[in-house]
Amino acid sequence: MLKYIFFFSWFTQLLCVTTTWMDSFFSFFLSNFVTKKRETIANTSKKNHSL
């Protein structure tokens, strides 16, 4: 029984760490992606204004 409790606690901890890591990774990736998109949009609008 103790083995199962230990395994469960370890699994929950691992899941928590993985979720946190994934969350930080996705937020980092998304912020970079959005910034790139905004830069592209800004450059495109600048080009359109210069025409």
Protein backbone atom coordinates (compact mmCIF):
# COMPACT_ATOMS: atom_id res chain seq x y z
CA MET A 1 0.00 0.00 0.00
CA LEU A 2 2.81 2.41 0.91
CA LYS A 3 4.42 1.71 -2.45
CA TYR A 4 1.29 2.90 -4.26
CA ILE A 5 1.12 6.10 -2.18
CA PHE A 6 4.79 6.79 -2.90
CA PHE A 7 4.32 6.15 -6.62
CA PHE A 8 1.20 8.32 -6.74
CA SER A 9 2.92 11.23 -4.98
CA TRP A 10 5.93 10.89 -7.31
CA PHE A 11 3.65 10.77 -10.36
CA THR A 12 1.69 13.83 -9.22
CA GLN A 13 4.92 15.74 -8.63
CA LEU A 14 6.22 14.76 -12.07
CA LEU A 15 2.94 15.79 -13.68
CA CYS A 16 3.02 19.12 -11.87
CA VAL A 17 6.60 19.80 -12.97
CA THR A 18 5.82 18.79 -16.56
CA THR A 19 2.73 21.01 -16.63
CA THR A 20 4.69 23.97 -15.27
CA TRP A 21 7.49 23.39 -17.79
CA MET A 22 5.04 23.05 -20.68
CA ASP A 23 3.18 26.17 -19.53
CA SER A 24 6.36 28.26 -19.39
CA PHE A 25 7.53 26.84 -22.73
CA PHE A 26 4.23 27.60 -24.44
CA SER A 27 4.01 31.12 -23.00
CA PHE A 28 7.61 31.77 -24.14
CA PHE A 29 6.92 30.32 -27.59
CA LEU A 30 3.63 32.20 -27.97
CA SER A 31 5.12 35.53 -26.89
CA ASN A 32 7.96 35.10 -29.40
CA PHE A 33 5.52 34.09 -32.14
CA VAL A 34 3.20 37.04 -31.44
CA THR A 35 6.15 39.46 -31.39
CA LYS A 36 7.36 38.13 -34.75
CA LYS A 37 3.83 38.45 -36.18
CA ARG A 38 3.53 42.03 -34.92
CA GLU A 39 6.89 42.93 -36.44
CA THR A 40 5.82 41.42 -39.75
CA ILE A 41 2.53 43.33 -39.66
CA ALA A 42 4.35 46.55 -38.74
CA ASN A 43 6.83 46.09 -41.60
CA THR A 44 4.01 45.34 -44.04
CA SER A 45 2.07 48.45 -43.02
CA LYS A 46 5.25 50.55 -43.35
CA LYS A 47 5.76 49.20 -46.87
CA ASN A 48 2.15 49.98 -47.74
CA HIS A 49 2.50 53.55 -46.43
CA SER A 50 5.66 54.14 -48.43
CA LEU A 51 3.98 53.10 -51.69
